[in-house]
């Protein structure tokens, strides 16, 4: 290792949890597909140094986790909210409930071949979703 390069700072549970929560928000907003979310969540769960987490957010807007050694996040300009039009809100897609249904179907198909123990992550995910709603 070159002595001129700073050593990346190690992270702990708090930083990994903050990264996971930010990824959860990006998934809920539709910025990440289920596969991208799964891949990035696995990297976040196994990250050891701050640059590993920072790399997960280079193509995403805020929220980003606060990481040691990283410059403070600069707030991105936001547009003024549009005044209400009086009509029902526009649908933004299937949302989390649709995602949960798709995940349930996929896990059901997988569990028929792999065993019932795969239902545990589904149950945990649905309980997490229910508490957030």
N, C-alpha and C. Protein backbone atom coordinates (compact mmCIF):
# COMPACT_ATOMS: atom_id res chain seq x y z
N UNK A 1 0.85 -1.16 0.00
CA UNK A 1 0.00 0.00 0.00
C UNK A 1 0.90 1.23 0.00
N UNK A 2 0.54 2.20 -0.78
CA UNK A 2 1.31 3.43 -0.87
C UNK A 2 1.13 4.23 0.41
N UNK A 3 2.23 4.74 0.98
CA UNK A 3 2.13 5.46 2.24
C UNK A 3 1.44 6.81 2.08
N UNK A 4 1.31 7.32 0.83
CA UNK A 4 0.65 8.59 0.59
C UNK A 4 -0.88 8.46 0.61
N UNK A 5 -1.39 7.29 0.36
CA UNK A 5 -2.83 7.08 0.33
C UNK A 5 -3.35 6.90 1.76
N UNK A 6 -4.43 7.61 2.11
CA UNK A 6 -4.98 7.40 3.46
C UNK A 6 -5.64 6.03 3.57
N UNK A 7 -5.54 5.45 4.73
CA UNK A 7 -6.17 4.16 4.99
C UNK A 7 -7.68 4.38 5.12
N UNK A 8 -8.49 3.59 4.40
CA UNK A 8 -9.95 3.74 4.54
C UNK A 8 -10.39 3.46 5.97
N UNK A 9 -11.33 4.25 6.45
CA UNK A 9 -11.82 4.07 7.80
C UNK A 9 -12.81 2.91 7.87
N UNK A 10 -12.68 2.13 8.92
CA UNK A 10 -13.58 1.00 9.13
C UNK A 10 -14.93 1.51 9.62
N UNK A 11 -15.96 0.77 9.32
CA UNK A 11 -17.31 1.13 9.74
C UNK A 11 -17.84 0.09 10.71
N UNK A 12 -18.95 0.42 11.35
CA UNK A 12 -19.57 -0.50 12.30
C UNK A 12 -21.03 -0.73 11.98
N UNK A 13 -21.74 -1.29 12.94
CA UNK A 13 -23.16 -1.62 12.74
C UNK A 13 -24.00 -0.39 12.41
N UNK A 14 -23.71 0.73 13.04
CA UNK A 14 -24.51 1.94 12.82
C UNK A 14 -24.45 2.39 11.36
N UNK A 15 -23.26 2.38 10.77
CA UNK A 15 -23.12 2.80 9.38
C UNK A 15 -23.79 1.81 8.43
N UNK A 16 -23.63 0.50 8.71
CA UNK A 16 -24.29 -0.51 7.86
C UNK A 16 -25.81 -0.39 7.96
N UNK A 17 -26.32 -0.13 9.16
CA UNK A 17 -27.77 0.03 9.34
C UNK A 17 -28.27 1.27 8.63
N UNK A 18 -27.52 2.37 8.71
CA UNK A 18 -27.91 3.60 8.01
C UNK A 18 -27.93 3.38 6.50
N UNK A 19 -26.96 2.65 5.99
CA UNK A 19 -26.92 2.36 4.55
C UNK A 19 -28.12 1.50 4.16
N UNK A 20 -28.44 0.51 4.98
CA UNK A 20 -29.58 -0.36 4.68
C UNK A 20 -30.88 0.44 4.68
N UNK A 21 -31.04 1.36 5.63
CA UNK A 21 -32.25 2.18 5.68
C UNK A 21 -32.35 3.08 4.46
N UNK A 22 -31.23 3.63 4.01
CA UNK A 22 -31.24 4.46 2.80
C UNK A 22 -31.60 3.61 1.59
N UNK A 23 -31.06 2.40 1.50
CA UNK A 23 -31.42 1.50 0.39
C UNK A 23 -32.90 1.15 0.43
N UNK A 24 -33.45 0.96 1.64
CA UNK A 24 -34.89 0.69 1.78
C UNK A 24 -35.70 1.82 1.16
N UNK A 25 -35.30 3.06 1.43
CA UNK A 25 -36.03 4.21 0.89
C UNK A 25 -35.94 4.26 -0.63
N UNK A 26 -34.75 3.96 -1.17
CA UNK A 26 -34.59 3.98 -2.62
C UNK A 26 -35.42 2.88 -3.29
N UNK A 27 -35.53 1.74 -2.64
CA UNK A 27 -36.38 0.67 -3.16
C UNK A 27 -37.84 1.11 -3.13
N UNK A 28 -38.27 1.70 -2.02
CA UNK A 28 -39.66 2.14 -1.89
C UNK A 28 -40.01 3.22 -2.92
N UNK A 29 -39.03 4.06 -3.28
CA UNK A 29 -39.25 5.12 -4.26
C UNK A 29 -39.15 4.61 -5.69
N UNK A 30 -38.75 3.36 -5.87
CA UNK A 30 -38.66 2.79 -7.21
C UNK A 30 -37.34 3.08 -7.93
N UNK A 31 -36.35 3.56 -7.20
CA UNK A 31 -35.06 3.85 -7.83
C UNK A 31 -34.21 2.60 -8.00
N UNK A 32 -34.52 1.56 -7.25
CA UNK A 32 -33.80 0.29 -7.34
C UNK A 32 -34.77 -0.82 -7.65
N UNK A 33 -34.34 -1.74 -8.50
CA UNK A 33 -35.14 -2.95 -8.73
C UNK A 33 -34.92 -3.89 -7.54
N UNK A 34 -35.72 -4.92 -7.45
CA UNK A 34 -35.58 -5.88 -6.35
C UNK A 34 -34.20 -6.54 -6.41
N UNK A 35 -33.74 -6.86 -7.61
CA UNK A 35 -32.43 -7.51 -7.75
C UNK A 35 -31.30 -6.56 -7.34
N UNK A 36 -31.38 -5.28 -7.78
CA UNK A 36 -30.36 -4.31 -7.40
C UNK A 36 -30.36 -4.11 -5.88
N UNK A 37 -31.55 -4.02 -5.31
CA UNK A 37 -31.68 -3.85 -3.87
C UNK A 37 -31.04 -5.03 -3.13
N UNK A 38 -31.32 -6.24 -3.59
CA UNK A 38 -30.75 -7.43 -2.94
C UNK A 38 -29.23 -7.43 -3.02
N UNK A 39 -28.69 -7.08 -4.21
CA UNK A 39 -27.23 -7.05 -4.38
C UNK A 39 -26.60 -6.00 -3.48
N UNK A 40 -27.17 -4.79 -3.48
CA UNK A 40 -26.59 -3.70 -2.69
C UNK A 40 -26.76 -3.96 -1.20
N UNK A 41 -27.87 -4.58 -0.80
CA UNK A 41 -28.07 -4.90 0.61
C UNK A 41 -27.03 -5.90 1.10
N UNK A 42 -26.71 -6.87 0.25
CA UNK A 42 -25.69 -7.86 0.63
C UNK A 42 -24.33 -7.19 0.79
N UNK A 43 -23.99 -6.26 -0.12
CA UNK A 43 -22.72 -5.55 0.00
C UNK A 43 -22.71 -4.71 1.28
N UNK A 44 -23.84 -4.02 1.55
CA UNK A 44 -23.92 -3.19 2.76
C UNK A 44 -23.76 -4.03 4.02
N UNK A 45 -24.37 -5.19 4.04
CA UNK A 45 -24.31 -6.05 5.23
C UNK A 45 -22.89 -6.57 5.49
N UNK A 46 -22.10 -6.71 4.43
CA UNK A 46 -20.76 -7.26 4.57
C UNK A 46 -19.66 -6.21 4.48
N UNK A 47 -20.01 -4.94 4.36
CA UNK A 47 -19.02 -3.87 4.20
C UNK A 47 -18.15 -3.76 5.45
N UNK A 48 -16.88 -3.46 5.24
CA UNK A 48 -15.94 -3.31 6.34
C UNK A 48 -15.42 -1.88 6.42
N UNK A 49 -15.24 -1.23 5.27
CA UNK A 49 -14.72 0.14 5.24
C UNK A 49 -15.71 1.07 4.55
N UNK A 50 -15.60 2.36 4.87
CA UNK A 50 -16.55 3.36 4.38
C UNK A 50 -16.66 3.41 2.85
N UNK A 51 -15.57 3.31 2.09
CA UNK A 51 -15.70 3.38 0.63
C UNK A 51 -16.58 2.28 0.04
N UNK A 52 -16.65 1.13 0.70
CA UNK A 52 -17.54 0.07 0.21
C UNK A 52 -18.99 0.51 0.26
N UNK A 53 -19.37 1.21 1.33
CA UNK A 53 -20.75 1.71 1.43
C UNK A 53 -20.96 2.89 0.50
N UNK A 54 -19.99 3.79 0.42
CA UNK A 54 -20.13 4.98 -0.42
C UNK A 54 -20.37 4.59 -1.88
N UNK A 55 -19.73 3.51 -2.33
CA UNK A 55 -19.87 3.07 -3.72
C UNK A 55 -21.30 2.64 -4.04
N UNK A 56 -22.08 2.27 -3.04
CA UNK A 56 -23.46 1.83 -3.28
C UNK A 56 -24.38 2.99 -3.65
N UNK A 57 -23.96 4.22 -3.39
CA UNK A 57 -24.84 5.38 -3.54
C UNK A 57 -24.37 6.37 -4.60
N UNK A 58 -23.35 6.01 -5.38
CA UNK A 58 -22.81 6.97 -6.35
C UNK A 58 -23.82 7.35 -7.42
N UNK A 59 -24.76 6.48 -7.74
CA UNK A 59 -25.75 6.77 -8.79
C UNK A 59 -27.14 7.08 -8.22
N UNK A 60 -27.22 7.31 -6.91
CA UNK A 60 -28.50 7.57 -6.27
C UNK A 60 -28.52 8.95 -5.62
N UNK A 61 -29.69 9.62 -5.65
CA UNK A 61 -29.81 10.89 -4.92
C UNK A 61 -29.89 10.61 -3.42
N UNK A 62 -30.03 11.67 -2.63
CA UNK A 62 -30.20 11.50 -1.18
C UNK A 62 -31.45 10.66 -0.93
N UNK A 63 -31.52 9.89 0.11
CA UNK A 63 -30.65 9.85 1.27
C UNK A 63 -29.43 8.96 1.04
N UNK A 64 -28.33 9.37 1.65
CA UNK A 64 -27.11 8.60 1.72
C UNK A 64 -26.77 8.48 3.20
N UNK A 65 -26.08 7.41 3.60
CA UNK A 65 -25.68 7.31 5.01
C UNK A 65 -24.52 8.26 5.29
N UNK A 66 -24.44 8.73 6.52
CA UNK A 66 -23.28 9.51 6.95
C UNK A 66 -22.15 8.53 7.24
N UNK A 67 -21.02 8.74 6.58
CA UNK A 67 -19.90 7.82 6.71
C UNK A 67 -18.69 8.54 7.28
N UNK A 68 -17.88 7.83 8.09
CA UNK A 68 -16.67 8.46 8.63
C UNK A 68 -15.68 8.75 7.51
N UNK A 69 -15.08 9.94 7.58
CA UNK A 69 -14.09 10.30 6.58
C UNK A 69 -14.68 10.84 5.30
N UNK A 70 -15.99 10.80 5.16
CA UNK A 70 -16.64 11.31 3.95
C UNK A 70 -17.03 12.76 4.19
N UNK A 71 -17.00 13.58 3.14
CA UNK A 71 -17.45 14.95 3.33
C UNK A 71 -18.93 14.97 3.66
N UNK A 72 -19.41 15.96 4.41
CA UNK A 72 -20.82 16.00 4.74
C UNK A 72 -21.67 16.08 3.48
N UNK A 73 -22.78 15.40 3.53
CA UNK A 73 -23.68 15.37 2.37
C UNK A 73 -24.21 16.77 2.11
N UNK A 74 -24.17 17.17 0.85
CA UNK A 74 -24.72 18.47 0.49
C UNK A 74 -26.17 18.28 0.08
N UNK A 75 -27.05 19.10 0.61
CA UNK A 75 -28.46 18.93 0.25
C UNK A 75 -28.67 19.26 -1.22
N UNK A 76 -29.44 18.43 -1.88
CA UNK A 76 -29.74 18.66 -3.27
C UNK A 76 -30.91 19.62 -3.36
N UNK A 77 -30.88 20.52 -4.37
CA UNK A 77 -31.99 21.45 -4.49
C UNK A 77 -33.29 20.71 -4.77
N UNK A 78 -34.32 21.17 -4.14
CA UNK A 78 -35.62 20.54 -4.35
C UNK A 78 -36.58 21.57 -4.90
N UNK A 79 -37.45 21.12 -5.76
CA UNK A 79 -38.46 22.00 -6.34
C UNK A 79 -39.56 22.22 -5.31
N UNK A 80 -40.21 23.38 -5.43
CA UNK A 80 -41.35 23.66 -4.54
C UNK A 80 -42.45 22.66 -4.84
N UNK A 81 -43.15 22.16 -3.81
CA UNK A 81 -44.21 21.19 -4.07
C UNK A 81 -45.32 21.82 -4.90
N UNK A 82 -45.86 21.01 -5.79
CA UNK A 82 -46.94 21.48 -6.64
C UNK A 82 -48.21 21.62 -5.81
N UNK A 83 -49.01 22.63 -6.09
CA UNK A 83 -50.26 22.78 -5.34
C UNK A 83 -51.20 21.62 -5.68
N UNK A 84 -52.04 21.22 -4.72
CA UNK A 84 -52.96 20.12 -4.98
C UNK A 84 -53.92 20.48 -6.11
N UNK A 85 -54.23 19.49 -6.92
CA UNK A 85 -55.12 19.72 -8.05
C UNK A 85 -56.56 19.37 -7.72
N UNK A 86 -56.80 18.77 -6.61
CA UNK A 86 -58.16 18.42 -6.23
C UNK A 86 -58.54 17.00 -6.61
N UNK A 87 -57.81 16.40 -7.54
CA UNK A 87 -58.12 15.03 -7.96
C UNK A 87 -57.38 14.03 -7.10
N UNK A 88 -57.64 12.75 -7.31
CA UNK A 88 -56.93 11.72 -6.56
C UNK A 88 -55.47 11.71 -6.96
N UNK A 89 -54.57 11.32 -6.06
CA UNK A 89 -53.15 11.28 -6.39
C UNK A 89 -52.89 10.27 -7.50
N UNK A 90 -51.93 10.59 -8.33
CA UNK A 90 -51.57 9.70 -9.43
C UNK A 90 -50.87 8.47 -8.87
N UNK A 91 -51.09 7.34 -9.51
CA UNK A 91 -50.44 6.11 -9.08
C UNK A 91 -48.99 6.14 -9.52
N UNK A 92 -48.10 5.70 -8.65
CA UNK A 92 -46.68 5.66 -8.98
C UNK A 92 -46.22 4.23 -9.25
N UNK A 93 -47.10 3.35 -9.51
CA UNK A 93 -46.73 1.97 -9.78
C UNK A 93 -47.27 1.05 -8.70
N UNK A 94 -46.82 -0.19 -8.72
CA UNK A 94 -47.36 -1.17 -7.79
C UNK A 94 -47.01 -0.91 -6.34
N UNK A 95 -45.96 -0.16 -6.07
CA UNK A 95 -45.60 0.15 -4.70
C UNK A 95 -45.11 -1.05 -3.93
N UNK A 96 -44.98 -0.85 -2.63
CA UNK A 96 -44.42 -1.90 -1.78
C UNK A 96 -45.35 -3.10 -1.65
N UNK A 97 -46.66 -2.86 -1.67
CA UNK A 97 -47.56 -4.00 -1.53
C UNK A 97 -47.42 -4.91 -2.75
N UNK A 98 -47.33 -4.33 -3.94
CA UNK A 98 -47.13 -5.13 -5.14
C UNK A 98 -45.81 -5.87 -5.09
N UNK A 99 -44.79 -5.20 -4.58
CA UNK A 99 -43.49 -5.82 -4.44
C UNK A 99 -43.56 -6.99 -3.46
N UNK A 100 -44.29 -6.81 -2.37
CA UNK A 100 -44.44 -7.88 -1.38
C UNK A 100 -45.17 -9.08 -1.98
N UNK A 101 -46.18 -8.81 -2.81
CA UNK A 101 -46.93 -9.91 -3.44
C UNK A 101 -46.03 -10.68 -4.40
N UNK A 102 -45.24 -9.95 -5.21
CA UNK A 102 -44.33 -10.61 -6.14
C UNK A 102 -43.30 -11.44 -5.36
N UNK A 103 -42.76 -10.86 -4.30
CA UNK A 103 -41.79 -11.59 -3.48
C UNK A 103 -42.42 -12.84 -2.87
N UNK A 104 -43.67 -12.73 -2.42
CA UNK A 104 -44.35 -13.88 -1.83
C UNK A 104 -44.53 -14.99 -2.85
N UNK A 105 -44.88 -14.63 -4.07
CA UNK A 105 -45.08 -15.64 -5.12
C UNK A 105 -43.76 -16.32 -5.45
N UNK A 106 -42.70 -15.52 -5.61
CA UNK A 106 -41.38 -16.08 -5.92
C UNK A 106 -40.93 -17.01 -4.80
N UNK A 107 -41.07 -16.56 -3.56
CA UNK A 107 -40.64 -17.41 -2.45
C UNK A 107 -41.50 -18.66 -2.32
N UNK A 108 -42.78 -18.55 -2.63
CA UNK A 108 -43.64 -19.74 -2.58
C UNK A 108 -43.15 -20.78 -3.57
N UNK A 109 -42.83 -20.33 -4.79
CA UNK A 109 -42.33 -21.27 -5.80
C UNK A 109 -41.01 -21.87 -5.36
N UNK A 110 -40.13 -21.03 -4.79
CA UNK A 110 -38.84 -21.54 -4.35
C UNK A 110 -38.96 -22.50 -3.17
N UNK A 111 -39.87 -22.22 -2.25
CA UNK A 111 -39.98 -23.06 -1.06
C UNK A 111 -40.55 -24.43 -1.38
N UNK A 112 -41.28 -24.52 -2.44
CA UNK A 112 -41.81 -25.84 -2.80
C UNK A 112 -40.66 -26.78 -3.14
N UNK A 113 -39.53 -26.21 -3.58
CA UNK A 113 -38.39 -27.03 -3.94
C UNK A 113 -37.30 -27.01 -2.87
N UNK A 114 -37.17 -25.90 -2.16
CA UNK A 114 -36.03 -25.75 -1.25
C UNK A 114 -36.38 -25.96 0.21
N UNK A 115 -37.64 -26.05 0.55
CA UNK A 115 -38.01 -26.26 1.94
C UNK A 115 -38.69 -25.05 2.55
N UNK A 116 -39.38 -25.29 3.61
CA UNK A 116 -40.18 -24.26 4.25
C UNK A 116 -39.34 -23.18 4.92
N UNK A 117 -38.08 -23.44 5.24
CA UNK A 117 -37.26 -22.46 5.95
C UNK A 117 -37.11 -21.17 5.16
N UNK A 118 -37.34 -21.17 3.86
CA UNK A 118 -37.25 -19.94 3.08
C UNK A 118 -38.43 -19.00 3.33
N UNK A 119 -39.46 -19.48 4.00
CA UNK A 119 -40.58 -18.61 4.32
C UNK A 119 -40.24 -17.63 5.45
N UNK A 120 -39.19 -17.92 6.20
CA UNK A 120 -38.80 -17.05 7.32
C UNK A 120 -38.46 -15.64 6.84
N UNK A 121 -37.61 -15.47 5.78
CA UNK A 121 -37.34 -14.11 5.32
C UNK A 121 -38.59 -13.40 4.81
N UNK A 122 -39.49 -14.14 4.19
CA UNK A 122 -40.73 -13.54 3.70
C UNK A 122 -41.55 -13.01 4.88
N UNK A 123 -41.69 -13.82 5.91
CA UNK A 123 -42.46 -13.40 7.08
C UNK A 123 -41.82 -12.19 7.73
N UNK A 124 -40.50 -12.20 7.85
CA UNK A 124 -39.80 -11.06 8.45
C UNK A 124 -40.00 -9.80 7.60
N UNK A 125 -39.90 -9.93 6.29
CA UNK A 125 -40.10 -8.78 5.40
C UNK A 125 -41.50 -8.23 5.47
N UNK A 126 -42.49 -9.10 5.52
CA UNK A 126 -43.88 -8.64 5.60
C UNK A 126 -44.16 -7.97 6.94
N UNK A 127 -43.56 -8.50 8.02
CA UNK A 127 -43.74 -7.86 9.33
C UNK A 127 -43.07 -6.48 9.33
N UNK A 128 -41.88 -6.38 8.72
CA UNK A 128 -41.19 -5.10 8.62
C UNK A 128 -42.04 -4.11 7.84
N UNK A 129 -42.60 -4.55 6.73
CA UNK A 129 -43.43 -3.68 5.91
C UNK A 129 -44.67 -3.22 6.66
N UNK A 130 -45.29 -4.14 7.39
CA UNK A 130 -46.50 -3.79 8.15
C UNK A 130 -46.20 -2.75 9.22
N UNK A 131 -45.04 -2.85 9.87
CA UNK A 131 -44.68 -1.87 10.89
C UNK A 131 -44.37 -0.51 10.29
N UNK A 132 -43.83 -0.47 9.08
CA UNK A 132 -43.50 0.81 8.44
C UNK A 132 -44.74 1.50 7.88
N UNK A 133 -45.77 0.74 7.58
CA UNK A 133 -46.97 1.33 6.97
C UNK A 133 -47.85 2.02 7.97
